[in-house]
Amino acid sequence: MTNIKTPKDLEVMKAGGKILSQVLWETVGSIKPGVTELDIENMAERLIEEKGGEPAFKRVKGYKYATCISTNEVVVHGIPTERVLKEGDVVGIDCGVYYKGFNTDMAETLRVSTTNKQQLTNNKKDKIDQFLEVGKKALEEAIKVAVAGNHIGHISKTIQDIVERKSGYAVVRSLIGHGIGKSLHESPEVPGYLNKKIEKTPRLVPGMTIAIEVIYNMGSYDVVLDKDGWTIASKDGSISGLFERTVAITDKEPMILTA
């Protein structure tokens, strides 16, 4: 059953989402060659607590970290390690904040660099730049269709059309977006691909809060689970990307709670 949020609930989630957004962008801004995944983790956890939140991921049974750090072929749920990031690595940072009884969730993927790569290449973007731009575009367009009266399927189709049909990459089938609120993962499921008729998917109504996720690989959508029980990587070793925002459905435009 979908948990509908009251206006008061949404204000709390918006406040928590603001904390999360500030934390994620400050953390992203610190990433450069020589930084370790644990450096990112430690910074994110410190910032969450300084800003009055609680690391949502540490509330998940068995998980001990405030972030998931997914480097290169790692798709999601990467456990932060002493791995040193180098020029050109592709790093996804997934983070959540628990604030006054509600969760928000957000992720961003970037390329590790010490330079303005686009300027150096005369604005000719290489395949990694193009890959990451597709994920950002898919998330942006998916949020636009997250309006009351539409269905989850409109979100799914938008992501799949941009990632697969227009760009030739692969949406990971076994990992999807989700409802969010008092629990980090609630109904409804929000796939990044369409597996049934749109009208057969849940209808979007005001008060719903969902984490829209674009999870995709440069190669096949098949993934494998590491022996650590958490880390999921692309089966063919191809680069992966993850972009996520927490969004509230209203009677008007979508409200990005992690703006």
C-alpha atoms as a PDB file:
ATOM      1  CA  MET A   1       0.000   0.000   0.000  1.00  0.00           C
ATOM      2  CA  THR A   2       1.290   3.473  -0.916  1.00  0.00           C
ATOM      3  CA  ASN A   3       1.834   5.798   2.043  1.00  0.00           C
ATOM      4  CA  ILE A   4       0.332   9.219   1.292  1.00  0.00           C
ATOM      5  CA  LYS A   5       2.095  12.125   3.004  1.00  0.00           C
ATOM      6  CA  THR A   6       0.359  15.119   4.531  1.00  0.00           C
ATOM      7  CA  PRO A   7       1.506  18.685   3.768  1.00  0.00           C
ATOM      8  CA  LYS A   8       3.222  18.672   7.185  1.00  0.00           C
ATOM      9  CA  ASP A   9       5.008  15.420   6.326  1.00  0.00           C
ATOM     10  CA  LEU A  10       6.201  16.924   3.060  1.00  0.00           C
ATOM     11  CA  GLU A  11       7.621  19.952   4.819  1.00  0.00           C
ATOM     12  CA  VAL A  12       9.655  17.664   7.071  1.00  0.00           C
ATOM     13  CA  MET A  13      10.850  15.627   4.085  1.00  0.00           C
ATOM     14  CA  LYS A  14      11.736  18.799   2.238  1.00  0.00           C
ATOM     15  CA  ALA A  15      13.866  19.932   5.190  1.00  0.00           C
ATOM     16  CA  GLY A  16      15.583  16.556   5.333  1.00  0.00           C
ATOM     17  CA  GLY A  17      16.039  16.615   1.576  1.00  0.00           C
ATOM     18  CA  LYS A  18      17.701  20.014   1.795  1.00  0.00           C
ATOM     19  CA  ILE A  19      20.211  18.608   4.261  1.00  0.00           C
ATOM     20  CA  LEU A  20      20.871  15.659   1.961  1.00  0.00           C
ATOM     21  CA  SER A  21      21.286  17.817  -1.122  1.00  0.00           C
ATOM     22  CA  GLN A  22      23.746  20.115   0.640  1.00  0.00           C
ATOM     23  CA  VAL A  23      25.718  17.126   1.922  1.00  0.00           C
ATOM     24  CA  LEU A  24      25.859  15.396  -1.446  1.00  0.00           C
ATOM     25  CA  TRP A  25      26.939  18.448  -3.423  1.00  0.00           C
ATOM     26  CA  GLU A  26      29.562  19.444  -0.856  1.00  0.00           C
ATOM     27  CA  THR A  27      30.879  15.897  -0.941  1.00  0.00           C
ATOM     28  CA  VAL A  28      30.871  15.732  -4.729  1.00  0.00           C
ATOM     29  CA  GLY A  29      32.799  19.005  -4.832  1.00  0.00           C
ATOM     30  CA  SER A  30      35.576  17.469  -2.743  1.00  0.00           C
ATOM     31  CA  ILE A  31      36.242  14.554  -5.086  1.00  0.00           C
ATOM     32  CA  LYS A  32      39.539  14.612  -6.980  1.00  0.00           C
ATOM     33  CA  PRO A  33      42.350  12.194  -7.779  1.00  0.00           C
ATOM     34  CA  GLY A  34      44.001  10.930  -4.589  1.00  0.00           C
ATOM     35  CA  VAL A  35      40.814  10.951  -2.514  1.00  0.00           C
ATOM     36  CA  THR A  36      39.713   7.566  -1.188  1.00  0.00           C
ATOM     37  CA  GLU A  37      36.200   6.169  -1.071  1.00  0.00           C
ATOM     38  CA  LEU A  38      36.416   6.245   2.729  1.00  0.00           C
ATOM     39  CA  ASP A  39      37.346   9.935   2.593  1.00  0.00           C
ATOM     40  CA  ILE A  40      34.034  10.525   0.798  1.00  0.00           C
ATOM     41  CA  GLU A  41      32.174   8.385   3.321  1.00  0.00           C
ATOM     42  CA  ASN A  42      33.677  10.141   6.320  1.00  0.00           C
ATOM     43  CA  MET A  43      32.944  13.590   4.930  1.00  0.00           C
ATOM     44  CA  ALA A  44      29.331  12.728   4.116  1.00  0.00           C
ATOM     45  CA  GLU A  45      28.656  11.246   7.556  1.00  0.00           C
ATOM     46  CA  ARG A  46      30.229  14.237   9.310  1.00  0.00           C
ATOM     47  CA  LEU A  47      28.220  16.727   7.260  1.00  0.00           C
ATOM     48  CA  ILE A  48      24.923  14.892   7.814  1.00  0.00           C
ATOM     49  CA  GLU A  49      25.400  14.981  11.567  1.00  0.00           C
ATOM     50  CA  GLU A  50      26.614  18.597  11.590  1.00  0.00           C
ATOM     51  CA  LYS A  51      23.484  19.660   9.709  1.00  0.00           C
ATOM     52  CA  GLY A  52      21.146  17.902  12.141  1.00  0.00           C
ATOM     53  CA  GLY A  53      20.338  14.725  10.239  1.00  0.00           C
ATOM     54  CA  GLU A  54      21.045  11.047  10.731  1.00  0.00           C
ATOM     55  CA  PRO A  55      22.653   8.774   8.105  1.00  0.00           C
ATOM     56  CA  ALA A  56      19.671   6.847   6.747  1.00  0.00           C
ATOM     57  CA  PHE A  57      21.743   4.006   5.318  1.00  0.00           C
ATOM     58  CA  LYS A  58      23.231   3.196   8.745  1.00  0.00           C
ATOM     59  CA  ARG A  59      19.674   2.389   9.848  1.00  0.00           C
ATOM     60  CA  VAL A  60      19.571  -0.469   7.313  1.00  0.00           C
ATOM     61  CA  LYS A  61      20.182  -3.773   9.104  1.00  0.00           C
ATOM     62  CA  GLY A  62      23.713  -4.979   8.551  1.00  0.00           C
ATOM     63  CA  TYR A  63      24.987  -1.856   6.784  1.00  0.00           C
ATOM     64  CA  LYS A  64      27.556   0.275   8.619  1.00  0.00           C
ATOM     65  CA  TYR A  65      28.051   3.259   6.317  1.00  0.00           C
ATOM     66  CA  ALA A  66      26.375   6.575   5.508  1.00  0.00           C
ATOM     67  CA  THR A  67      27.011   6.190   1.776  1.00  0.00           C
ATOM     68  CA  CYS A  68      27.326   3.657  -0.984  1.00  0.00           C
ATOM     69  CA  ILE A  69      30.292   4.420  -3.257  1.00  0.00           C
ATOM     70  CA  SER A  70      30.154   2.779  -6.678  1.00  0.00           C
ATOM     71  CA  THR A  71      33.311   3.125  -8.776  1.00  0.00           C
ATOM     72  CA  ASN A  72      33.521   2.272 -12.487  1.00  0.00           C
ATOM     73  CA  GLU A  73      31.882  -1.145 -13.011  1.00  0.00           C
ATOM     74  CA  VAL A  74      30.172  -1.108  -9.589  1.00  0.00           C
ATOM     75  CA  VAL A  75      26.477  -0.389 -10.125  1.00  0.00           C
ATOM     76  CA  VAL A  76      25.076   0.144  -6.619  1.00  0.00           C
ATOM     77  CA  HIS A  77      25.623  -0.626  -2.932  1.00  0.00           C
ATOM     78  CA  GLY A  78      29.397  -0.350  -3.110  1.00  0.00           C
ATOM     79  CA  ILE A  79      30.918  -0.464   0.373  1.00  0.00           C
ATOM     80  CA  PRO A  80      33.351   2.454   0.840  1.00  0.00           C
ATOM     81  CA  THR A  81      36.973   1.231   0.967  1.00  0.00           C
ATOM     82  CA  GLU A  82      40.521   2.597   1.003  1.00  0.00           C
ATOM     83  CA  ARG A  83      40.487   2.535  -2.798  1.00  0.00           C
ATOM     84  CA  VAL A  84      42.250   5.645  -4.090  1.00  0.00           C
ATOM     85  CA  LEU A  85      40.377   7.399  -6.885  1.00  0.00           C
ATOM     86  CA  LYS A  86      42.365   8.270  -9.980  1.00  0.00           C
ATOM     87  CA  GLU A  87      41.906  10.592 -12.933  1.00  0.00           C
ATOM     88  CA  GLY A  88      39.096   9.354 -15.156  1.00  0.00           C
ATOM     89  CA  ASP A  89      37.384   7.058 -12.660  1.00  0.00           C
ATOM     90  CA  VAL A  90      33.575   7.143 -12.751  1.00  0.00           C
ATOM     91  CA  VAL A  91      32.180   7.376  -9.217  1.00  0.00           C
ATOM     92  CA  GLY A  92      28.594   7.170  -8.024  1.00  0.00           C
ATOM     93  CA  ILE A  93      27.721   8.514  -4.571  1.00  0.00           C
ATOM     94  CA  ASP A  94      24.429   7.313  -3.092  1.00  0.00           C
ATOM     95  CA  CYS A  95      23.394   8.824   0.235  1.00  0.00           C
ATOM     96  CA  GLY A  96      20.330   9.076   2.459  1.00  0.00           C
ATOM     97  CA  VAL A  97      19.226  11.250   5.365  1.00  0.00           C
ATOM     98  CA  TYR A  98      16.801  10.376   8.148  1.00  0.00           C
ATOM     99  CA  TYR A  99      15.274  13.525   9.639  1.00  0.00           C
ATOM    100  CA  LYS A 100      12.417  13.811  12.129  1.00  0.00           C
ATOM    101  CA  GLY A 101      10.985  10.429  11.221  1.00  0.00           C
ATOM    102  CA  PHE A 102      11.336  10.577   7.421  1.00  0.00           C
ATOM    103  CA  ASN A 103      13.911   9.428   4.867  1.00  0.00           C
ATOM    104  CA  THR A 104      15.197  11.051   1.701  1.00  0.00           C
ATOM    105  CA  ASP A 105      17.495   9.413  -0.857  1.00  0.00           C
ATOM    106  CA  MET A 106      19.750  10.885  -3.549  1.00  0.00           C
ATOM    107  CA  ALA A 107      22.590   9.830  -5.853  1.00  0.00           C
ATOM    108  CA  GLU A 108      24.907  11.403  -8.385  1.00  0.00           C
ATOM    109  CA  THR A 109      27.623  10.013 -10.654  1.00  0.00           C
ATOM    110  CA  LEU A 110      30.636  11.988 -11.797  1.00  0.00           C
ATOM    111  CA  ARG A 111      33.981  11.621 -13.487  1.00  0.00           C
ATOM    112  CA  VAL A 112      37.059  12.154 -11.319  1.00  0.00           C
ATOM    113  CA  SER A 113      39.136  14.951 -12.805  1.00  0.00           C
ATOM    114  CA  THR A 114      41.556  17.718 -11.873  1.00  0.00           C
ATOM    115  CA  THR A 115      40.845  19.698 -15.045  1.00  0.00           C
ATOM    116  CA  ASN A 116      38.042  21.102 -17.136  1.00  0.00           C
ATOM    117  CA  LYS A 117      38.037  18.169 -19.511  1.00  0.00           C
ATOM    118  CA  GLN A 118      35.491  19.679 -21.889  1.00  0.00           C
ATOM    119  CA  GLN A 119      37.632  22.764 -22.351  1.00  0.00           C
ATOM    120  CA  LEU A 120      40.723  20.677 -23.054  1.00  0.00           C
ATOM    121  CA  THR A 121      38.903  18.699 -25.738  1.00  0.00           C
ATOM    122  CA  ASN A 122      37.409  21.757 -27.437  1.00  0.00           C
ATOM    123  CA  ASN A 123      33.958  20.794 -26.202  1.00  0.00           C
ATOM    124  CA  LYS A 124      34.104  17.399 -27.907  1.00  0.00           C
ATOM    125  CA  LYS A 125      32.716  15.041 -25.304  1.00  0.00           C
ATOM    126  CA  ASP A 126      34.084  11.501 -25.213  1.00  0.00           C
ATOM    127  CA  LYS A 127      32.046   8.356 -24.614  1.00  0.00           C
ATOM    128  CA  ILE A 128      32.154   8.613 -20.813  1.00  0.00           C
ATOM    129  CA  ASP A 129      30.953  12.224 -20.825  1.00  0.00           C
ATOM    130  CA  GLN A 130      28.163  11.273 -23.223  1.00  0.00           C
ATOM    131  CA  PHE A 131      27.211   8.288 -21.072  1.00  0.00           C
ATOM    132  CA  LEU A 132      26.851  10.402 -17.933  1.00  0.00           C
ATOM    133  CA  GLU A 133      24.907  13.132 -19.735  1.00  0.00           C
ATOM    134  CA  VAL A 134      22.347  10.530 -20.829  1.00  0.00           C
ATOM    135  CA  GLY A 135      21.711   9.499 -17.210  1.00  0.00           C
ATOM    136  CA  LYS A 136      21.257  13.096 -16.107  1.00  0.00           C
ATOM    137  CA  LYS A 137      18.887  13.752 -19.008  1.00  0.00           C
ATOM    138  CA  ALA A 138      16.853  10.615 -18.291  1.00  0.00           C
ATOM    139  CA  LEU A 139      16.391  11.620 -14.649  1.00  0.00           C
ATOM    140  CA  GLU A 140      15.446  15.186 -15.561  1.00  0.00           C
ATOM    141  CA  GLU A 141      12.826  14.059 -18.064  1.00  0.00           C
ATOM    142  CA  ALA A 142      11.491  11.312 -15.779  1.00  0.00           C
ATOM    143  CA  ILE A 143      10.861  13.848 -13.031  1.00  0.00           C
ATOM    144  CA  LYS A 144       8.873  16.004 -15.464  1.00  0.00           C
ATOM    145  CA  VAL A 145       6.306  13.222 -16.003  1.00  0.00           C
ATOM    146  CA  ALA A 146       5.955  12.491 -12.264  1.00  0.00           C
ATOM    147  CA  VAL A 147       2.653  14.338 -12.074  1.00  0.00           C
ATOM    148  CA  ALA A 148      -0.721  13.436 -10.604  1.00  0.00           C
ATOM    149  CA  GLY A 149      -2.845  11.497 -13.073  1.00  0.00           C
ATOM    150  CA  ASN A 150       0.113   9.882 -14.785  1.00  0.00           C
ATOM    151  CA  HIS A 151       1.335   6.400 -13.911  1.00  0.00           C
ATOM    152  CA  ILE A 152       4.624   4.955 -12.686  1.00  0.00           C
ATOM    153  CA  GLY A 153       4.860   3.551 -16.199  1.00  0.00           C
ATOM    154  CA  HIS A 154       5.262   7.041 -17.637  1.00  0.00           C
ATOM    155  CA  ILE A 155       8.409   7.429 -15.529  1.00  0.00           C
ATOM    156  CA  SER A 156       9.671   3.972 -16.499  1.00  0.00           C
ATOM    157  CA  LYS A 157       9.071   4.513 -20.209  1.00  0.00           C
ATOM    158  CA  THR A 158      10.753   7.919 -20.180  1.00  0.00           C
ATOM    159  CA  ILE A 159      13.916   6.501 -18.601  1.00  0.00           C
ATOM    160  CA  GLN A 160      14.021   3.483 -20.903  1.00  0.00           C
ATOM    161  CA  ASP A 161      13.399   5.518 -24.044  1.00  0.00           C
ATOM    162  CA  ILE A 162      16.291   7.886 -23.319  1.00  0.00           C
ATOM    163  CA  VAL A 163      18.776   5.335 -21.979  1.00  0.00           C
ATOM    164  CA  GLU A 164      18.107   2.442 -24.342  1.00  0.00           C
ATOM    165  CA  ARG A 165      16.184   3.427 -27.439  1.00  0.00           C
ATOM    166  CA  LYS A 166      17.858   6.794 -28.019  1.00  0.00           C
ATOM    167  CA  SER A 167      21.321   6.086 -26.612  1.00  0.00           C
ATOM    168  CA  GLY A 168      21.979   2.352 -26.827  1.00  0.00           C
ATOM    169  CA  TYR A 169      22.848   1.752 -23.170  1.00  0.00           C
ATOM    170  CA  ALA A 170      21.101  -0.705 -20.846  1.00  0.00           C
ATOM    171  CA  VAL A 171      18.774  -0.023 -17.911  1.00  0.00           C
ATOM    172  CA  VAL A 172      19.547  -2.499 -15.128  1.00  0.00           C
ATOM    173  CA  ARG A 173      16.466  -4.660 -14.676  1.00  0.00           C
ATOM    174  CA  SER A 174      17.051  -6.021 -11.180  1.00  0.00           C
ATOM    175  CA  LEU A 175      17.506  -2.605  -9.484  1.00  0.00           C
ATOM    176  CA  ILE A 176      14.729  -0.042  -9.344  1.00  0.00           C
ATOM    177  CA  GLY A 177      13.462   3.135  -7.726  1.00  0.00           C
ATOM    178  CA  HIS A 178      10.967   3.012  -4.884  1.00  0.00           C
ATOM    179  CA  GLY A 179       8.544   4.778  -2.637  1.00  0.00           C
ATOM    180  CA  ILE A 180      10.103   6.473   0.365  1.00  0.00           C
ATOM    181  CA  GLY A 181       9.011   8.089   3.615  1.00  0.00           C
ATOM    182  CA  LYS A 182       9.024   6.749   7.156  1.00  0.00           C
ATOM    183  CA  SER A 183      10.792   3.739   5.653  1.00  0.00           C
ATOM    184  CA  LEU A 184      13.712   4.053   3.263  1.00  0.00           C
ATOM    185  CA  HIS A 185      12.008   1.658   0.856  1.00  0.00           C
ATOM    186  CA  GLU A 186       8.231   1.757   0.502  1.00  0.00           C
ATOM    187  CA  SER A 187       5.741   0.964  -2.247  1.00  0.00           C
ATOM    188  CA  PRO A 188       5.342   1.569  -5.096  1.00  0.00           C
ATOM    189  CA  GLU A 189       8.239   0.123  -7.065  1.00  0.00           C
ATOM    190  CA  VAL A 190       9.558   2.543  -9.700  1.00  0.00           C
ATOM    191  CA  PRO A 191      11.360   0.565 -12.448  1.00  0.00           C
ATOM    192  CA  GLY A 192      13.537   2.307 -15.008  1.00  0.00           C
ATOM    193  CA  TYR A 193      12.015   0.164 -17.739  1.00  0.00           C
ATOM    194  CA  LEU A 194       8.489  -0.676 -18.827  1.00  0.00           C
ATOM    195  CA  ASN A 195       7.457  -4.311 -18.357  1.00  0.00           C
ATOM    196  CA  LYS A 196       3.678  -3.933 -18.664  1.00  0.00           C
ATOM    197  CA  LYS A 197       1.110  -1.566 -20.115  1.00  0.00           C
ATOM    198  CA  ILE A 198       1.388   1.905 -18.611  1.00  0.00           C
ATOM    199  CA  GLU A 199      -2.212   1.882 -17.408  1.00  0.00           C
ATOM    200  CA  LYS A 200      -1.494  -1.320 -15.476  1.00  0.00           C
ATOM    201  CA  THR A 201       1.147   0.435 -13.363  1.00  0.00           C
ATOM    202  CA  PRO A 202       0.291   2.419 -10.194  1.00  0.00           C
ATOM    203  CA  ARG A 203      -1.327   5.810 -10.715  1.00  0.00           C
ATOM    204  CA  LEU A 204       0.471   8.834  -9.319  1.00  0.00           C
ATOM    205  CA  VAL A 205      -1.563  10.791  -6.768  1.00  0.00           C
ATOM    206  CA  PRO A 206      -0.798  13.870  -4.653  1.00  0.00           C
ATOM    207  CA  GLY A 207       1.057  13.014  -1.460  1.00  0.00           C
ATOM    208  CA  MET A 208       3.065  10.143  -2.917  1.00  0.00           C
ATOM    209  CA  THR A 209       6.820  10.389  -2.395  1.00  0.00           C
ATOM    210  CA  ILE A 210       9.128   8.357  -4.620  1.00  0.00           C
ATOM    211  CA  ALA A 211      12.829   7.951  -5.229  1.00  0.00           C
ATOM    212  CA  ILE A 212      13.281   8.050  -8.999  1.00  0.00           C
ATOM    213  CA  GLU A 213      16.464   6.221 -10.005  1.00  0.00           C
ATOM    214  CA  VAL A 214      18.273   5.906 -13.310  1.00  0.00           C
ATOM    215  CA  ILE A 215      20.496   2.832 -12.964  1.00  0.00           C
ATOM    216  CA  TYR A 216      22.199   1.858 -16.212  1.00  0.00           C
ATOM    217  CA  ASN A 217      25.291   0.281 -17.784  1.00  0.00           C
ATOM    218  CA  MET A 218      27.317   1.057 -20.888  1.00  0.00           C
ATOM    219  CA  GLY A 219      27.154  -2.645 -21.764  1.00  0.00           C
ATOM    220  CA  SER A 220      24.690  -5.352 -20.769  1.00  0.00           C
ATOM    221  CA  TYR A 221      22.120  -4.840 -18.027  1.00  0.00           C
ATOM    222  CA  ASP A 222      23.198  -8.079 -16.314  1.00  0.00           C
ATOM    223  CA  VAL A 223      24.765  -7.648 -12.876  1.00  0.00           C
ATOM    224  CA  VAL A 224      26.546  -9.798 -10.291  1.00  0.00           C
ATOM    225  CA  LEU A 225      26.559  -9.680  -6.484  1.00  0.00           C
ATOM    226  CA  ASP A 226      29.946  -9.604  -4.753  1.00  0.00           C
ATOM    227  CA  LYS A 227      30.813 -12.038  -1.972  1.00  0.00           C
ATOM    228  CA  ASP A 228      30.500  -9.143   0.529  1.00  0.00           C
ATOM    229  CA  GLY A 229      26.737  -9.469   0.083  1.00  0.00           C
ATOM    230  CA  TRP A 230      26.239  -5.807  -0.850  1.00  0.00           C
ATOM    231  CA  THR A 231      28.290  -4.669  -3.839  1.00  0.00           C
ATOM    232  CA  ILE A 232      26.565  -5.163  -7.202  1.00  0.00           C
ATOM    233  CA  ALA A 233      28.632  -4.751 -10.380  1.00  0.00           C
ATOM    234  CA  SER A 234      28.011  -5.028 -14.103  1.00  0.00           C
ATOM    235  CA  LYS A 235      28.532  -8.617 -15.196  1.00  0.00           C
ATOM    236  CA  ASP A 236      30.533  -7.623 -18.274  1.00  0.00           C
ATOM    237  CA  GLY A 237      32.696  -5.115 -16.407  1.00  0.00           C
ATOM    238  CA  SER A 238      31.246  -2.121 -18.249  1.00  0.00           C
ATOM    239  CA  ILE A 239      30.980   1.338 -16.682  1.00  0.00           C
ATOM    240  CA  SER A 240      27.771   2.000 -14.738  1.00  0.00           C
ATOM    241  CA  GLY A 241      25.879   5.153 -13.770  1.00  0.00           C
ATOM    242  CA  LEU A 242      23.378   6.084 -11.055  1.00  0.00           C
ATOM    243  CA  PHE A 243      21.295   9.250 -10.735  1.00  0.00           C
ATOM    244  CA  GLU A 244      18.530   9.612  -8.143  1.00  0.00           C
ATOM    245  CA  ARG A 245      16.261  12.216  -6.584  1.00  0.00           C
ATOM    246  CA  THR A 246      13.424  12.051  -4.040  1.00  0.00           C
ATOM    247  CA  VAL A 247      10.269  13.554  -5.525  1.00  0.00           C
ATOM    248  CA  ALA A 248       6.823  14.346  -4.132  1.00  0.00           C
ATOM    249  CA  ILE A 249       3.722  14.155  -6.313  1.00  0.00           C
ATOM    250  CA  THR A 250       1.530  17.243  -5.927  1.00  0.00           C
ATOM    251  CA  ASP A 251      -1.591  18.584  -7.627  1.00  0.00           C
ATOM    252  CA  LYS A 252       0.732  20.799  -9.674  1.00  0.00           C
ATOM    253  CA  GLU A 253       4.356  20.294 -10.698  1.00  0.00           C
ATOM    254  CA  PRO A 254       6.586  17.608  -9.157  1.00  0.00           C
ATOM    255  CA  MET A 255       8.307  18.746  -5.961  1.00  0.00           C
ATOM    256  CA  ILE A 256      11.957  17.697  -5.880  1.00  0.00           C
ATOM    257  CA  LEU A 257      12.568  17.175  -2.175  1.00  0.00           C
ATOM    258  CA  THR A 258      16.319  16.773  -2.680  1.00  0.00           C
ATOM    259  CA  ALA A 259      16.694  19.856  -4.881  1.00  0.00           C
END
